[in-house]
């Protein structure tokens, strides 16, 4: 009984660590990666210790004892909690992958706008904002979220963004205006939406070239 339980515990912990690592890898290597790895090691040790503790309470020679019954119940709860954790990390990674994939359907992207799982919010919003398949109504919902300047910059580059959203971004006057304008200029629709600004910039180019 204990050997079987230990095998199940080790297998689930391995699957959990793999799901967590794949989720982390979706963000790529960055300054936070080493910190995430430390958390991964800590969480793996936590699940290992608690799982072994539950197994230790199971007495194979006295399965009807209160301690053994408690150990069995604790192990069942442990398996349920860890299995749910594996699903959460897998679901979150799938959401991030689909949000940035140009092969994702508009229906899937629309559903991701309401995603409430792990990492819902800033990172997911940025990927949806940059996906050319994201429906315009979803892009409009992403616009104007507080403290998400990265989402605004990504929206500014998306040619599928609604006109009113791009015009509102172009009219913004604050410390981020320069960055937003630079992003807007990368949008193929910039000259159509901002003809006066584009014309002025084109007129200024020959003068700048002559000065050189």
N, C-alpha and C. Protein backbone atom coordinates (compact mmCIF):
# COMPACT_ATOMS: atom_id res chain seq x y z
N UNK A 1 0.82 -1.20 0.00
CA UNK A 1 0.00 0.00 0.00
C UNK A 1 0.86 1.26 0.00
N UNK A 2 1.84 1.29 0.89
CA UNK A 2 2.70 2.46 0.98
C UNK A 2 3.55 2.63 -0.28
N UNK A 3 4.04 1.53 -0.84
CA UNK A 3 4.85 1.61 -2.05
C UNK A 3 4.04 2.15 -3.22
N UNK A 4 2.79 1.68 -3.31
CA UNK A 4 1.92 2.16 -4.37
C UNK A 4 1.63 3.66 -4.19
N UNK A 5 1.34 4.04 -2.95
CA UNK A 5 1.06 5.44 -2.65
C UNK A 5 2.29 6.32 -2.95
N UNK A 6 3.47 5.82 -2.59
CA UNK A 6 4.70 6.57 -2.84
C UNK A 6 4.93 6.74 -4.34
N UNK A 7 4.65 5.70 -5.10
CA UNK A 7 4.80 5.78 -6.55
C UNK A 7 3.88 6.83 -7.15
N UNK A 8 2.63 6.86 -6.67
CA UNK A 8 1.66 7.84 -7.16
C UNK A 8 2.11 9.25 -6.80
N UNK A 9 2.59 9.41 -5.58
CA UNK A 9 3.05 10.73 -5.11
C UNK A 9 4.21 11.24 -5.96
N UNK A 10 5.21 10.41 -6.18
CA UNK A 10 6.38 10.82 -6.96
C UNK A 10 6.02 11.12 -8.41
N UNK A 11 5.10 10.32 -8.97
CA UNK A 11 4.67 10.55 -10.35
C UNK A 11 3.95 11.89 -10.48
N UNK A 12 3.03 12.16 -9.57
CA UNK A 12 2.28 13.41 -9.62
C UNK A 12 3.18 14.62 -9.39
N UNK A 13 4.15 14.48 -8.49
CA UNK A 13 5.08 15.58 -8.25
C UNK A 13 5.91 15.86 -9.49
N UNK A 14 6.33 14.81 -10.19
CA UNK A 14 7.10 14.99 -11.42
C UNK A 14 6.26 15.69 -12.49
N UNK A 15 5.01 15.28 -12.62
CA UNK A 15 4.11 15.90 -13.60
C UNK A 15 3.86 17.36 -13.23
N UNK A 16 3.69 17.63 -11.94
CA UNK A 16 3.46 19.00 -11.45
C UNK A 16 4.66 19.89 -11.74
N UNK A 17 5.86 19.39 -11.46
CA UNK A 17 7.08 20.17 -11.71
C UNK A 17 7.24 20.43 -13.21
N UNK A 18 6.93 19.44 -14.04
CA UNK A 18 7.04 19.60 -15.49
C UNK A 18 6.05 20.64 -16.00
N UNK A 19 4.81 20.59 -15.50
CA UNK A 19 3.80 21.56 -15.92
C UNK A 19 4.20 22.97 -15.50
N UNK A 20 4.73 23.11 -14.30
CA UNK A 20 5.18 24.41 -13.80
C UNK A 20 6.34 24.94 -14.65
N UNK A 21 7.29 24.07 -14.97
CA UNK A 21 8.46 24.49 -15.75
C UNK A 21 8.06 24.89 -17.17
N UNK A 22 7.16 24.17 -17.79
CA UNK A 22 6.71 24.52 -19.14
C UNK A 22 5.99 25.87 -19.13
N UNK A 23 5.24 26.12 -18.07
CA UNK A 23 4.56 27.40 -17.93
C UNK A 23 5.58 28.53 -17.82
N UNK A 24 6.62 28.33 -17.01
CA UNK A 24 7.67 29.33 -16.86
C UNK A 24 8.40 29.56 -18.17
N UNK A 25 8.66 28.49 -18.91
CA UNK A 25 9.41 28.59 -20.16
C UNK A 25 8.65 29.38 -21.22
N UNK A 26 7.33 29.47 -21.09
CA UNK A 26 6.52 30.22 -22.05
C UNK A 26 6.87 31.70 -22.03
N UNK A 27 7.42 32.18 -20.92
CA UNK A 27 7.81 33.59 -20.80
C UNK A 27 9.21 33.84 -21.34
N UNK A 28 9.97 32.75 -21.60
CA UNK A 28 11.33 32.91 -22.08
C UNK A 28 12.28 33.25 -20.95
N UNK A 29 13.56 33.29 -21.27
CA UNK A 29 14.58 33.60 -20.26
C UNK A 29 14.58 35.10 -19.97
N UNK A 30 14.43 35.44 -18.70
CA UNK A 30 14.49 36.85 -18.30
C UNK A 30 15.07 36.93 -16.90
N UNK A 31 15.08 38.14 -16.36
CA UNK A 31 15.70 38.36 -15.05
C UNK A 31 14.95 37.63 -13.93
N UNK A 32 13.67 37.32 -14.17
CA UNK A 32 12.87 36.66 -13.14
C UNK A 32 12.98 35.14 -13.20
N UNK A 33 13.63 34.62 -14.25
CA UNK A 33 13.62 33.17 -14.46
C UNK A 33 14.28 32.42 -13.30
N UNK A 34 15.42 32.93 -12.81
CA UNK A 34 16.12 32.27 -11.71
C UNK A 34 15.27 32.27 -10.44
N UNK A 35 14.53 33.36 -10.22
CA UNK A 35 13.64 33.44 -9.05
C UNK A 35 12.52 32.42 -9.18
N UNK A 36 11.98 32.31 -10.39
CA UNK A 36 10.91 31.33 -10.63
C UNK A 36 11.42 29.91 -10.40
N UNK A 37 12.67 29.64 -10.80
CA UNK A 37 13.24 28.32 -10.59
C UNK A 37 13.36 28.00 -9.10
N UNK A 38 13.74 29.01 -8.32
CA UNK A 38 13.82 28.81 -6.87
C UNK A 38 12.45 28.50 -6.29
N UNK A 39 11.42 29.21 -6.76
CA UNK A 39 10.06 28.93 -6.31
C UNK A 39 9.64 27.53 -6.71
N UNK A 40 10.04 27.12 -7.92
CA UNK A 40 9.69 25.78 -8.40
C UNK A 40 10.29 24.72 -7.49
N UNK A 41 11.55 24.89 -7.12
CA UNK A 41 12.21 23.94 -6.22
C UNK A 41 11.51 23.93 -4.87
N UNK A 42 11.18 25.12 -4.35
CA UNK A 42 10.50 25.21 -3.05
C UNK A 42 9.13 24.55 -3.07
N UNK A 43 8.36 24.79 -4.14
CA UNK A 43 7.02 24.20 -4.24
C UNK A 43 7.11 22.68 -4.40
N UNK A 44 8.11 22.21 -5.15
CA UNK A 44 8.29 20.77 -5.32
C UNK A 44 8.62 20.09 -4.00
N UNK A 45 9.49 20.73 -3.23
CA UNK A 45 9.83 20.18 -1.90
C UNK A 45 8.61 20.18 -0.98
N UNK A 46 7.79 21.23 -1.08
CA UNK A 46 6.58 21.29 -0.25
C UNK A 46 5.64 20.12 -0.55
N UNK A 47 5.39 19.90 -1.85
CA UNK A 47 4.50 18.79 -2.23
C UNK A 47 5.10 17.44 -1.84
N UNK A 48 6.42 17.32 -1.95
CA UNK A 48 7.08 16.05 -1.60
C UNK A 48 6.96 15.77 -0.11
N UNK A 49 7.23 16.78 0.71
CA UNK A 49 7.18 16.60 2.17
C UNK A 49 5.77 16.29 2.63
N UNK A 50 4.79 17.06 2.13
CA UNK A 50 3.40 16.83 2.56
C UNK A 50 2.87 15.49 2.06
N UNK A 51 3.29 15.09 0.87
CA UNK A 51 2.85 13.79 0.35
C UNK A 51 3.41 12.64 1.16
N UNK A 52 4.70 12.72 1.47
CA UNK A 52 5.34 11.66 2.27
C UNK A 52 4.77 11.64 3.68
N UNK A 53 4.44 12.82 4.22
CA UNK A 53 3.84 12.88 5.55
C UNK A 53 2.49 12.16 5.58
N UNK A 54 1.70 12.32 4.52
CA UNK A 54 0.41 11.64 4.45
C UNK A 54 0.61 10.14 4.37
N UNK A 55 1.61 9.70 3.58
CA UNK A 55 1.90 8.27 3.45
C UNK A 55 2.35 7.69 4.78
N UNK A 56 3.15 8.46 5.53
CA UNK A 56 3.69 7.98 6.80
C UNK A 56 2.60 7.67 7.82
N UNK A 57 1.45 8.33 7.68
CA UNK A 57 0.35 8.09 8.61
C UNK A 57 -0.39 6.79 8.33
N UNK A 58 -0.18 6.25 7.13
CA UNK A 58 -0.87 5.02 6.75
C UNK A 58 -0.11 3.82 7.30
N UNK A 59 -0.75 3.08 8.17
CA UNK A 59 -0.15 1.88 8.77
C UNK A 59 -0.77 0.65 8.11
N UNK A 60 0.01 -0.02 7.29
CA UNK A 60 -0.51 -1.15 6.51
C UNK A 60 -0.98 -2.31 7.39
N UNK A 61 -0.43 -2.45 8.57
CA UNK A 61 -0.83 -3.57 9.43
C UNK A 61 -2.10 -3.27 10.21
N UNK A 62 -2.46 -2.01 10.31
CA UNK A 62 -3.68 -1.63 11.04
C UNK A 62 -4.46 -0.60 10.24
N UNK A 63 -4.96 -1.01 9.09
CA UNK A 63 -5.63 -0.09 8.19
C UNK A 63 -6.92 0.50 8.76
N UNK A 64 -7.45 -0.15 9.81
CA UNK A 64 -8.70 0.34 10.37
C UNK A 64 -8.48 1.33 11.51
N UNK A 65 -7.23 1.57 11.86
CA UNK A 65 -6.96 2.51 12.94
C UNK A 65 -7.31 3.92 12.49
N UNK A 66 -7.61 4.76 13.46
CA UNK A 66 -7.99 6.14 13.14
C UNK A 66 -6.87 6.87 12.42
N UNK A 67 -5.63 6.62 12.83
CA UNK A 67 -4.50 7.30 12.21
C UNK A 67 -4.35 6.90 10.74
N UNK A 68 -4.55 5.61 10.47
CA UNK A 68 -4.43 5.14 9.09
C UNK A 68 -5.55 5.71 8.22
N UNK A 69 -6.75 5.75 8.78
CA UNK A 69 -7.89 6.31 8.03
C UNK A 69 -7.65 7.79 7.75
N UNK A 70 -7.13 8.50 8.76
CA UNK A 70 -6.83 9.92 8.56
C UNK A 70 -5.76 10.10 7.49
N UNK A 71 -4.75 9.21 7.52
CA UNK A 71 -3.68 9.28 6.52
C UNK A 71 -4.22 9.05 5.12
N UNK A 72 -5.15 8.09 4.96
CA UNK A 72 -5.75 7.81 3.65
C UNK A 72 -6.55 9.01 3.15
N UNK A 73 -7.34 9.60 4.06
CA UNK A 73 -8.13 10.78 3.69
C UNK A 73 -7.22 11.94 3.30
N UNK A 74 -6.15 12.11 4.07
CA UNK A 74 -5.21 13.20 3.79
C UNK A 74 -4.53 12.99 2.44
N UNK A 75 -4.20 11.75 2.12
CA UNK A 75 -3.55 11.45 0.85
C UNK A 75 -4.49 11.70 -0.32
N UNK A 76 -5.77 11.36 -0.13
CA UNK A 76 -6.76 11.61 -1.19
C UNK A 76 -6.89 13.10 -1.44
N UNK A 77 -6.95 13.89 -0.36
CA UNK A 77 -7.02 15.34 -0.50
C UNK A 77 -5.77 15.89 -1.16
N UNK A 78 -4.61 15.35 -0.80
CA UNK A 78 -3.34 15.77 -1.37
C UNK A 78 -3.32 15.52 -2.88
N UNK A 79 -3.75 14.32 -3.27
CA UNK A 79 -3.79 13.97 -4.70
C UNK A 79 -4.73 14.90 -5.45
N UNK A 80 -5.89 15.20 -4.86
CA UNK A 80 -6.85 16.09 -5.49
C UNK A 80 -6.29 17.50 -5.66
N UNK A 81 -5.63 18.01 -4.61
CA UNK A 81 -5.07 19.36 -4.66
C UNK A 81 -3.94 19.46 -5.68
N UNK A 82 -3.08 18.46 -5.71
CA UNK A 82 -1.96 18.48 -6.65
C UNK A 82 -2.45 18.32 -8.09
N UNK A 83 -3.43 17.47 -8.29
CA UNK A 83 -3.99 17.27 -9.63
C UNK A 83 -4.62 18.57 -10.14
N UNK A 84 -5.32 19.28 -9.26
CA UNK A 84 -5.91 20.56 -9.65
C UNK A 84 -4.81 21.57 -9.98
N UNK A 85 -3.73 21.56 -9.22
CA UNK A 85 -2.62 22.47 -9.46
C UNK A 85 -1.99 22.20 -10.83
N UNK A 86 -1.85 20.93 -11.19
CA UNK A 86 -1.31 20.56 -12.50
C UNK A 86 -2.20 21.11 -13.61
N UNK A 87 -3.52 20.96 -13.44
CA UNK A 87 -4.47 21.45 -14.44
C UNK A 87 -4.37 22.97 -14.58
N UNK A 88 -4.24 23.67 -13.47
CA UNK A 88 -4.19 25.14 -13.48
C UNK A 88 -2.98 25.63 -14.29
N UNK A 89 -1.82 25.03 -14.05
CA UNK A 89 -0.62 25.45 -14.77
C UNK A 89 -0.69 25.08 -16.25
N UNK A 90 -1.23 23.91 -16.54
CA UNK A 90 -1.38 23.52 -17.95
C UNK A 90 -2.36 24.45 -18.66
N UNK A 91 -3.46 24.77 -18.00
CA UNK A 91 -4.48 25.64 -18.58
C UNK A 91 -3.93 27.04 -18.81
N UNK A 92 -3.13 27.54 -17.87
CA UNK A 92 -2.55 28.88 -18.00
C UNK A 92 -1.56 28.94 -19.16
N UNK A 93 -0.74 27.92 -19.30
CA UNK A 93 0.22 27.90 -20.40
C UNK A 93 -0.51 27.83 -21.73
N UNK A 94 -1.55 27.02 -21.81
CA UNK A 94 -2.32 26.90 -23.04
C UNK A 94 -2.96 28.23 -23.42
N UNK A 95 -3.42 28.96 -22.40
CA UNK A 95 -4.03 30.27 -22.65
C UNK A 95 -3.02 31.24 -23.24
N UNK A 96 -1.81 31.27 -22.69
CA UNK A 96 -0.78 32.17 -23.18
C UNK A 96 -0.36 31.82 -24.60
N UNK A 97 -0.23 30.53 -24.86
CA UNK A 97 0.16 30.08 -26.21
C UNK A 97 -0.90 30.47 -27.23
N UNK A 98 -2.16 30.19 -26.91
CA UNK A 98 -3.25 30.49 -27.83
C UNK A 98 -3.44 31.99 -28.04
N UNK A 99 -3.19 32.77 -26.98
CA UNK A 99 -3.38 34.22 -27.08
C UNK A 99 -2.40 34.87 -28.06
N UNK A 100 -1.23 34.28 -28.23
CA UNK A 100 -0.23 34.84 -29.12
C UNK A 100 -0.15 34.13 -30.47
N UNK A 101 -0.86 33.03 -30.62
CA UNK A 101 -0.80 32.26 -31.86
C UNK A 101 -1.71 32.85 -32.94
N UNK A 102 -1.16 33.03 -34.14
CA UNK A 102 -1.96 33.53 -35.26
C UNK A 102 -2.89 32.45 -35.82
N UNK A 103 -2.73 31.23 -35.31
CA UNK A 103 -3.60 30.14 -35.75
C UNK A 103 -4.84 30.00 -34.87
N UNK A 104 -4.89 30.76 -33.78
CA UNK A 104 -6.04 30.70 -32.88
C UNK A 104 -7.25 31.33 -33.56
N UNK A 105 -8.41 30.74 -33.36
CA UNK A 105 -9.64 31.27 -33.95
C UNK A 105 -10.09 32.51 -33.18
N UNK A 106 -10.92 33.31 -33.82
CA UNK A 106 -11.44 34.51 -33.16
C UNK A 106 -12.30 34.12 -31.96
N UNK A 107 -12.98 32.97 -32.05
CA UNK A 107 -13.81 32.51 -30.94
C UNK A 107 -12.95 32.17 -29.73
N UNK A 108 -11.82 31.51 -29.96
CA UNK A 108 -10.92 31.16 -28.86
C UNK A 108 -10.33 32.43 -28.24
N UNK A 109 -9.94 33.38 -29.07
CA UNK A 109 -9.37 34.63 -28.56
C UNK A 109 -10.41 35.43 -27.79
N UNK A 110 -11.64 35.38 -28.25
CA UNK A 110 -12.72 36.07 -27.55
C UNK A 110 -12.95 35.45 -26.17
N UNK A 111 -12.87 34.12 -26.11
CA UNK A 111 -13.04 33.43 -24.84
C UNK A 111 -11.89 33.75 -23.88
N UNK A 112 -10.68 33.90 -24.41
CA UNK A 112 -9.52 34.21 -23.57
C UNK A 112 -9.61 35.59 -22.94
N UNK A 113 -10.40 36.46 -23.53
CA UNK A 113 -10.58 37.79 -22.95
C UNK A 113 -11.26 37.70 -21.59
N UNK A 114 -11.93 36.58 -21.33
CA UNK A 114 -12.61 36.36 -20.04
C UNK A 114 -11.89 35.31 -19.20
N UNK A 115 -10.68 34.96 -19.58
CA UNK A 115 -9.92 33.95 -18.86
C UNK A 115 -9.63 34.41 -17.44
N UNK A 116 -9.90 33.54 -16.48
CA UNK A 116 -9.73 33.93 -15.07
C UNK A 116 -8.71 33.06 -14.35
N UNK A 117 -7.92 32.31 -15.11
CA UNK A 117 -6.95 31.41 -14.50
C UNK A 117 -5.66 32.10 -14.12
N UNK A 118 -4.63 31.30 -13.90
CA UNK A 118 -3.32 31.81 -13.52
C UNK A 118 -2.76 32.71 -14.62
N UNK A 119 -2.16 33.81 -14.22
CA UNK A 119 -1.57 34.79 -15.13
C UNK A 119 -2.59 35.54 -15.98
N UNK A 120 -3.87 35.47 -15.62
CA UNK A 120 -4.87 36.28 -16.32
C UNK A 120 -4.55 37.74 -16.03
N UNK A 121 -4.70 38.58 -17.04
CA UNK A 121 -4.41 39.99 -16.83
C UNK A 121 -3.32 40.48 -17.76
N UNK A 122 -2.32 41.15 -17.23
CA UNK A 122 -1.34 41.90 -18.00
C UNK A 122 -0.69 41.08 -19.12
N UNK A 123 -0.08 39.96 -18.79
CA UNK A 123 0.64 39.17 -19.79
C UNK A 123 -0.31 38.64 -20.85
N UNK A 124 -1.43 38.13 -20.45
CA UNK A 124 -2.41 37.61 -21.40
C UNK A 124 -2.99 38.74 -22.25
N UNK A 125 -3.28 39.88 -21.64
CA UNK A 125 -3.81 41.03 -22.37
C UNK A 125 -2.84 41.50 -23.45
N UNK A 126 -1.54 41.53 -23.12
CA UNK A 126 -0.55 41.97 -24.10
C UNK A 126 -0.53 41.05 -25.33
N UNK A 127 -0.66 39.77 -25.09
CA UNK A 127 -0.62 38.82 -26.21
C UNK A 127 -1.89 38.93 -27.05
N UNK A 128 -3.00 39.12 -26.41
CA UNK A 128 -4.24 39.31 -27.15
C UNK A 128 -4.20 40.61 -27.95
N UNK A 129 -3.62 41.65 -27.36
CA UNK A 129 -3.56 42.95 -28.02
C UNK A 129 -2.69 42.92 -29.26
N UNK A 130 -1.73 42.02 -29.31
CA UNK A 130 -0.83 41.96 -30.46
C UNK A 130 -1.23 40.94 -31.51
N UNK A 131 -2.28 40.16 -31.22
CA UNK A 131 -2.68 39.12 -32.17
C UNK A 131 -3.57 39.72 -33.25
N UNK A 132 -3.20 39.58 -34.53
CA UNK A 132 -4.01 40.16 -35.61
C UNK A 132 -5.38 39.50 -35.77
N UNK A 133 -5.56 38.33 -35.15
CA UNK A 133 -6.86 37.64 -35.24
C UNK A 133 -7.82 38.01 -34.12
N UNK A 134 -7.33 38.78 -33.14
CA UNK A 134 -8.20 39.16 -32.03
C UNK A 134 -9.32 40.06 -32.54
N UNK A 135 -10.58 39.73 -32.25
CA UNK A 135 -11.71 40.54 -32.74
C UNK A 135 -11.62 41.99 -32.26
N UNK A 136 -12.04 42.94 -33.09
CA UNK A 136 -11.98 44.37 -32.72
C UNK A 136 -12.67 44.68 -31.41
N UNK A 137 -13.79 44.01 -31.11
CA UNK A 137 -14.50 44.30 -29.87
C UNK A 137 -13.69 43.91 -28.64
N UNK A 138 -12.86 42.86 -28.79
CA UNK A 138 -11.97 42.46 -27.68
C UNK A 138 -10.85 43.48 -27.54
N UNK A 139 -10.30 43.93 -28.65
CA UNK A 139 -9.23 44.94 -28.61
C UNK A 139 -9.74 46.23 -27.96
N UNK A 140 -10.98 46.57 -28.23
CA UNK A 140 -11.56 47.78 -27.62
C UNK A 140 -11.66 47.62 -26.10
N UNK A 141 -11.98 46.42 -25.64
CA UNK A 141 -12.07 46.16 -24.20
C UNK A 141 -10.70 46.23 -23.52
N UNK A 142 -9.65 45.89 -24.28
CA UNK A 142 -8.31 45.91 -23.72
C UNK A 142 -7.77 47.32 -23.58
N UNK A 143 -8.32 48.24 -24.35
CA UNK A 143 -7.84 49.63 -24.35
C UNK A 143 -8.22 50.35 -23.06
N UNK A 144 -7.27 51.13 -22.56
CA UNK A 144 -7.54 51.99 -21.41
C UNK A 144 -7.47 51.33 -20.06
N UNK A 145 -6.93 50.11 -19.99
CA UNK A 145 -6.82 49.47 -18.67
C UNK A 145 -5.75 50.18 -17.85
N UNK A 146 -6.05 50.48 -16.59
CA UNK A 146 -5.09 51.21 -15.75
C UNK A 146 -3.77 50.47 -15.57
N UNK A 147 -2.67 51.21 -15.64
CA UNK A 147 -1.32 50.70 -15.37
C UNK A 147 -0.88 49.62 -16.36
N UNK A 148 -1.48 49.57 -17.55
CA UNK A 148 -1.08 48.58 -18.54
C UNK A 148 -0.60 49.28 -19.82
N UNK A 149 0.45 50.08 -19.68
CA UNK A 149 0.96 50.83 -20.81
C UNK A 149 1.49 49.89 -21.89
N UNK A 150 2.01 48.73 -21.48
CA UNK A 150 2.49 47.75 -22.45
C UNK A 150 1.38 47.28 -23.36
N UNK A 151 0.18 47.13 -22.81
CA UNK A 151 -0.97 46.72 -23.61
C UNK A 151 -1.33 47.81 -24.61
N UNK A 152 -1.27 49.09 -24.18
CA UNK A 152 -1.56 50.21 -25.07
C UNK A 152 -0.55 50.29 -26.23
N UNK A 153 0.71 50.08 -25.91
CA UNK A 153 1.75 50.12 -26.95
C UNK A 153 1.54 49.00 -27.96
N UNK A 154 1.18 47.82 -27.46
CA UNK A 154 0.93 46.69 -28.35
C UNK A 154 -0.30 46.92 -29.20
N UNK A 155 -1.35 47.49 -28.61
CA UNK A 155 -2.55 47.82 -29.37
C UNK A 155 -2.25 48.82 -30.48
N UNK A 156 -1.38 49.78 -30.20
CA UNK A 156 -1.05 50.81 -31.18
C UNK A 156 -0.44 50.22 -32.44
N UNK A 157 0.20 49.07 -32.33
CA UNK A 157 0.85 48.44 -33.48
C UNK A 157 -0.09 47.52 -34.25
N UNK A 158 -1.23 47.19 -33.66
CA UNK A 158 -2.13 46.21 -34.26
C UNK A 158 -3.03 46.87 -35.32
N UNK A 159 -2.89 46.51 -36.59
CA UNK A 159 -3.71 47.12 -37.64
C UNK A 159 -5.18 46.76 -37.55
N UNK A 160 -5.49 45.75 -36.73
CA UNK A 160 -6.89 45.33 -36.58
C UNK A 160 -7.60 46.10 -35.47
N UNK A 161 -6.87 46.95 -34.76
CA UNK A 161 -7.48 47.72 -33.67
C UNK A 161 -8.49 48.72 -34.24
N UNK A 162 -9.62 48.94 -33.56
CA UNK A 162 -10.63 49.89 -34.05
C UNK A 162 -10.07 51.30 -34.19
N UNK A 163 -10.63 52.06 -35.13
CA UNK A 163 -10.16 53.43 -35.38
C UNK A 163 -10.20 54.28 -34.12
N UNK A 164 -11.31 54.18 -33.37
CA UNK A 164 -11.45 55.03 -32.19
C UNK A 164 -10.38 54.74 -31.14
N UNK A 165 -9.95 53.47 -31.06
CA UNK A 165 -8.91 53.10 -30.10
C UNK A 165 -7.58 53.70 -30.52
N UNK A 166 -7.23 53.56 -31.80
CA UNK A 166 -5.96 54.10 -32.29
C UNK A 166 -5.93 55.63 -32.20
N UNK A 167 -7.05 56.27 -32.51
CA UNK A 167 -7.12 57.73 -32.41
C UNK A 167 -6.98 58.20 -30.97
N UNK A 168 -7.58 57.45 -30.06
CA UNK A 168 -7.48 57.80 -28.64
C UNK A 168 -6.05 57.64 -28.14
N UNK A 169 -5.38 56.60 -28.61
CA UNK A 169 -3.98 56.40 -28.23
C UNK A 169 -3.12 57.54 -28.78
N UNK A 170 -3.41 57.96 -30.03
CA UNK A 170 -2.64 59.04 -30.64
C UNK A 170 -2.87 60.39 -29.97
N UNK A 171 -4.05 60.56 -29.36
CA UNK A 171 -4.38 61.83 -28.72
C UNK A 171 -3.88 61.90 -27.27
N UNK A 172 -3.33 60.82 -26.78
CA UNK A 172 -2.90 60.79 -25.39
C UNK A 172 -1.69 61.71 -25.18
N UNK A 173 -1.74 62.50 -24.14
CA UNK A 173 -0.66 63.44 -23.83
C UNK A 173 -0.19 63.22 -22.39
N UNK A 174 0.84 62.45 -22.25
CA UNK A 174 1.44 62.21 -20.94
C UNK A 174 2.87 61.73 -21.14
N UNK A 175 3.45 61.16 -20.10
CA UNK A 175 4.86 60.75 -20.20
C UNK A 175 5.08 59.59 -21.16
N UNK A 176 3.97 58.93 -21.57
CA UNK A 176 4.10 57.79 -22.47
C UNK A 176 3.82 58.16 -23.92
N UNK A 177 3.50 59.39 -24.19
CA UNK A 177 3.10 59.82 -25.54
C UNK A 177 4.14 59.47 -26.60
N UNK A 178 5.40 59.72 -26.29
CA UNK A 178 6.47 59.47 -27.27
C UNK A 178 6.54 57.98 -27.64
N UNK A 179 6.42 57.13 -26.64
CA UNK A 179 6.48 55.69 -26.88
C UNK A 179 5.26 55.22 -27.67
N UNK A 180 4.10 55.77 -27.35
CA UNK A 180 2.87 55.40 -28.05
C UNK A 180 2.91 55.86 -29.50
N UNK A 181 3.44 57.06 -29.74
CA UNK A 181 3.52 57.58 -31.10
C UNK A 181 4.47 56.72 -31.93
N UNK A 182 5.58 56.32 -31.34
CA UNK A 182 6.53 55.45 -32.03
C UNK A 182 5.87 54.13 -32.42
N UNK A 183 5.05 53.59 -31.52
CA UNK A 183 4.34 52.33 -31.80
C UNK A 183 3.31 52.54 -32.90
N UNK A 184 2.61 53.66 -32.85
CA UNK A 184 1.60 53.96 -33.88
C UNK A 184 2.22 54.05 -35.27
N UNK A 185 3.42 54.58 -35.37
CA UNK A 185 4.08 54.71 -36.65
C UNK A 185 4.44 53.36 -37.26
N UNK A 186 4.47 52.32 -36.44
CA UNK A 186 4.73 50.97 -36.95
C UNK A 186 3.45 50.33 -37.49
N UNK A 187 2.32 50.98 -37.23
CA UNK A 187 1.04 50.46 -37.69
C UNK A 187 0.84 50.84 -39.17
N UNK A 188 0.53 49.86 -40.02
CA UNK A 188 0.33 50.16 -41.46
C UNK A 188 -0.76 51.18 -41.73
N UNK A 189 -1.64 51.40 -40.77
CA UNK A 189 -2.76 52.32 -40.96
C UNK A 189 -2.47 53.73 -40.41
N UNK A 190 -1.23 53.95 -40.00
CA UNK A 190 -0.89 55.23 -39.37
C UNK A 190 -1.18 56.41 -40.30
N UNK A 191 -0.76 56.33 -41.56
CA UNK A 191 -0.93 57.46 -42.48
C UNK A 191 -2.40 57.71 -42.80
N UNK A 192 -3.22 56.67 -42.78
CA UNK A 192 -4.65 56.84 -43.05
C UNK A 192 -5.36 57.51 -41.88
N UNK A 193 -4.96 57.15 -40.66
CA UNK A 193 -5.62 57.69 -39.48
C UNK A 193 -5.05 59.05 -39.05
N UNK A 194 -3.79 59.27 -39.34
CA UNK A 194 -3.13 60.53 -38.94
C UNK A 194 -2.47 61.16 -40.17
N UNK A 195 -3.26 61.57 -41.17
CA UNK A 195 -2.70 62.10 -42.43
C UNK A 195 -1.91 63.39 -42.25
N UNK A 196 -2.38 64.27 -41.38
CA UNK A 196 -1.68 65.55 -41.19
C UNK A 196 -0.31 65.33 -40.55
N UNK A 197 -0.27 64.49 -39.52
CA UNK A 197 1.00 64.23 -38.84
C UNK A 197 1.98 63.52 -39.79
N UNK A 198 1.44 62.56 -40.57
CA UNK A 198 2.29 61.83 -41.50
C UNK A 198 2.84 62.75 -42.59
N UNK A 199 1.98 63.67 -43.09
CA UNK A 199 2.40 64.61 -44.12
C UNK A 199 3.48 65.55 -43.60
N UNK A 200 3.30 66.02 -42.38
CA UNK A 200 4.29 66.91 -41.77
C UNK A 200 5.63 66.21 -41.59
N UNK A 201 5.59 64.96 -41.21
CA UNK A 201 6.82 64.19 -41.02
C UNK A 201 7.51 63.96 -42.36
N UNK A 202 6.71 63.67 -43.42
CA UNK A 202 7.29 63.46 -44.74
C UNK A 202 7.93 64.75 -45.27
N UNK A 203 7.28 65.89 -44.98
CA UNK A 203 7.80 67.17 -45.43
C UNK A 203 9.09 67.54 -44.71
N UNK A 204 9.20 67.09 -43.48
CA UNK A 204 10.38 67.42 -42.68
C UNK A 204 11.60 66.57 -43.05
N UNK A 205 11.36 65.45 -43.71
CA UNK A 205 12.47 64.55 -44.04
C UNK A 205 13.48 65.17 -45.00
N UNK A 206 13.03 65.82 -46.11
CA UNK A 206 14.01 66.44 -47.02
C UNK A 206 14.86 67.49 -46.34
N UNK A 207 14.25 68.27 -45.44
CA UNK A 207 15.00 69.32 -44.74
C UNK A 207 16.06 68.69 -43.83
N UNK A 208 15.67 67.60 -43.20
CA UNK A 208 16.63 66.92 -42.31
C UNK A 208 17.78 66.32 -43.13
N UNK A 209 17.45 65.80 -44.33
CA UNK A 209 18.47 65.21 -45.18
C UNK A 209 19.43 66.29 -45.69
N UNK A 210 18.90 67.49 -46.01
CA UNK A 210 19.75 68.58 -46.49
C UNK A 210 20.72 69.07 -45.42
N UNK A 211 20.23 69.11 -44.19
CA UNK A 211 21.09 69.54 -43.07
C UNK A 211 22.26 68.58 -42.86
N UNK A 212 21.99 67.30 -43.15
CA UNK A 212 23.08 66.32 -43.00
C UNK A 212 24.15 66.54 -44.07
